[in-house]
Structure formats: C-alpha cells, structure tokens
Protein backbone atom coordinates (compact mmCIF):
# COMPACT_ATOMS: atom_id res chain seq x y z
CA UNK A 1 0.00 0.00 0.00
CA UNK A 2 1.42 3.37 -0.99
CA UNK A 3 1.57 6.43 1.26
CA UNK A 4 -0.97 8.29 -0.90
CA UNK A 5 -3.51 5.47 -0.61
CA UNK A 6 -3.00 5.25 3.15
CA UNK A 7 -3.53 9.00 3.51
CA UNK A 8 -6.79 8.98 1.51
CA UNK A 9 -8.12 6.03 3.48
CA UNK A 10 -7.92 8.13 6.66
CA UNK A 11 -10.30 10.81 5.27
CA UNK A 12 -13.93 10.14 6.19
CA UNK A 13 -17.05 11.42 4.42
CA UNK A 14 -17.84 13.50 7.50
CA UNK A 15 -14.39 15.10 7.26
CA UNK A 16 -14.86 15.81 3.54
CA UNK A 17 -18.23 17.44 4.19
CA UNK A 18 -16.80 19.52 7.05
CA UNK A 19 -14.01 20.72 4.75
CA UNK A 20 -16.52 21.61 2.03
CA UNK A 21 -18.74 23.49 4.48
CA UNK A 22 -15.78 25.42 5.91
CA UNK A 23 -14.59 26.36 2.43
CA UNK A 24 -17.99 27.51 1.24
CA UNK A 25 -18.66 31.23 0.98
CA UNK A 26 -21.70 33.43 0.65
CA UNK A 27 -21.98 36.30 -1.81
CA UNK A 28 -24.10 38.24 0.68
CA UNK A 29 -21.33 38.00 3.27
CA UNK A 30 -18.81 39.86 1.09
CA UNK A 31 -17.92 43.37 2.21
CA UNK A 32 -17.83 45.81 -0.70
CA UNK A 33 -17.22 48.93 1.39
CA UNK A 34 -13.70 49.46 0.06
CA UNK A 35 -14.83 48.82 -3.51
CA UNK A 36 -17.62 51.38 -3.14
CA UNK A 37 -15.19 53.92 -1.73
CA UNK A 38 -12.65 53.35 -4.52
CA UNK A 39 -15.27 53.47 -7.27
CA UNK A 40 -16.86 56.72 -6.11
CA UNK A 41 -13.96 58.59 -4.54
CA UNK A 42 -10.69 57.24 -5.94
CA UNK A 43 -11.36 56.35 -9.58
CA UNK A 44 -11.60 59.16 -12.12
CA UNK A 45 -14.52 59.17 -14.56
CA UNK A 46 -12.25 57.88 -17.33
CA UNK A 47 -11.09 54.97 -15.14
CA UNK A 48 -14.69 54.03 -14.32
CA UNK A 49 -15.67 54.10 -18.00
CA UNK A 50 -12.61 52.01 -18.92
CA UNK A 51 -13.48 49.46 -16.22
CA UNK A 52 -17.08 49.16 -17.42
CA UNK A 53 -15.84 48.76 -21.00
CA UNK A 54 -13.46 45.96 -19.98
CA UNK A 55 -16.11 44.16 -17.93
CA UNK A 56 -18.62 44.31 -20.77
CA UNK A 57 -16.06 42.92 -23.24
CA UNK A 58 -15.44 40.01 -20.88
CA UNK A 59 -19.16 39.21 -20.60
CA UNK A 60 -19.74 39.42 -24.36
CA UNK A 61 -16.72 37.18 -24.88
CA UNK A 62 -18.13 34.62 -22.47
CA UNK A 63 -21.42 34.60 -24.38
CA UNK A 64 -19.58 33.98 -27.65
CA UNK A 65 -17.65 31.12 -26.03
CA UNK A 66 -20.98 29.51 -25.11
CA UNK A 67 -22.16 29.80 -28.70
CA UNK A 68 -18.98 28.60 -30.40
CA UNK A 69 -18.59 25.69 -27.96
CA UNK A 70 -22.16 24.63 -28.73
CA UNK A 71 -23.44 25.14 -25.18
CA UNK A 72 -26.06 27.62 -26.38
CA UNK A 73 -27.91 27.97 -29.66
CA UNK A 74 -26.62 30.99 -31.57
CA UNK A 75 -30.09 32.08 -32.71
CA UNK A 76 -31.37 31.95 -29.15
CA UNK A 77 -28.41 34.00 -27.88
CA UNK A 78 -28.91 36.50 -30.69
CA UNK A 79 -32.61 36.98 -29.95
CA UNK A 80 -31.95 37.28 -26.20
CA UNK A 81 -29.47 40.07 -26.94
CA UNK A 82 -26.59 38.12 -25.42
CA UNK A 83 -24.55 38.40 -28.60
CA UNK A 84 -24.43 41.23 -31.10
CA UNK A 85 -22.88 40.20 -34.40
CA UNK A 86 -21.62 42.76 -36.83
CA UNK A 87 -22.32 42.67 -40.54
CA UNK A 88 -25.47 41.76 -42.39
CA UNK A 89 -27.86 39.52 -40.49
CA UNK A 90 -28.87 37.78 -43.71
CA UNK A 91 -25.25 36.72 -44.30
CA UNK A 92 -24.81 35.61 -40.71
CA UNK A 93 -28.05 33.63 -40.84
CA UNK A 94 -26.73 31.64 -43.80
CA UNK A 95 -23.51 30.68 -42.01
CA UNK A 96 -24.03 26.98 -41.29
CA UNK A 97 -21.14 26.78 -38.84
CA UNK A 98 -22.53 29.49 -36.56
CA UNK A 99 -26.24 29.00 -37.21
CA UNK A 100 -26.90 25.30 -38.00
CA UNK A 101 -30.39 24.40 -39.13
C-alpha cells in the first residue's frame, strides 16, 4: 500500500463534508465597502468608463464562447441580446457553422 492510498483512506465522508462546508462562501457575506469607496472617490470618470468597457467585453466574450462551444444555440443567444454580431444579419443567418439548421 502506498503512502498516498494510506492517507486517503484516513479521510472520512464526514471530514470531507466539514471541509466543504468550511470552504464555502456566501456572496451576501462579502464586504464591498472598500470597492464602493474606490469606485466613487478614488477612480476618475475615465477609469470608471474604462473598467465598465473591460467588464462588458469580458461578458460578451463569455457569451460567444458559449455559442462557439455549442453550449447555447446561436439564434437563441442573438434573440436574447446576449450576442451582437456585426455585418449583415442575412449573411450571418446563412452561415451553417454558426447557425446550423
């Protein structure tokens, strides 16, 4: 018996659950006081606009990942406003790779 197997045999399900519970966190328990202060009193208007721009690019990118990976139907994402393609919609609609029938 190896040392790794012996070590894992000593961990009980109760211990695993206790570790999971201790490592869990709650979004409502987070303290955003410093973030609020920085956003309203430290950041300049240009820095706030740049931050919002970067965050929105990240979210749009994540939506496109869902579509290209096949986790979400492209037409559904388009109609929900999650993705905003550029170009002619008629041309995009005909693209079999992005919009399969």
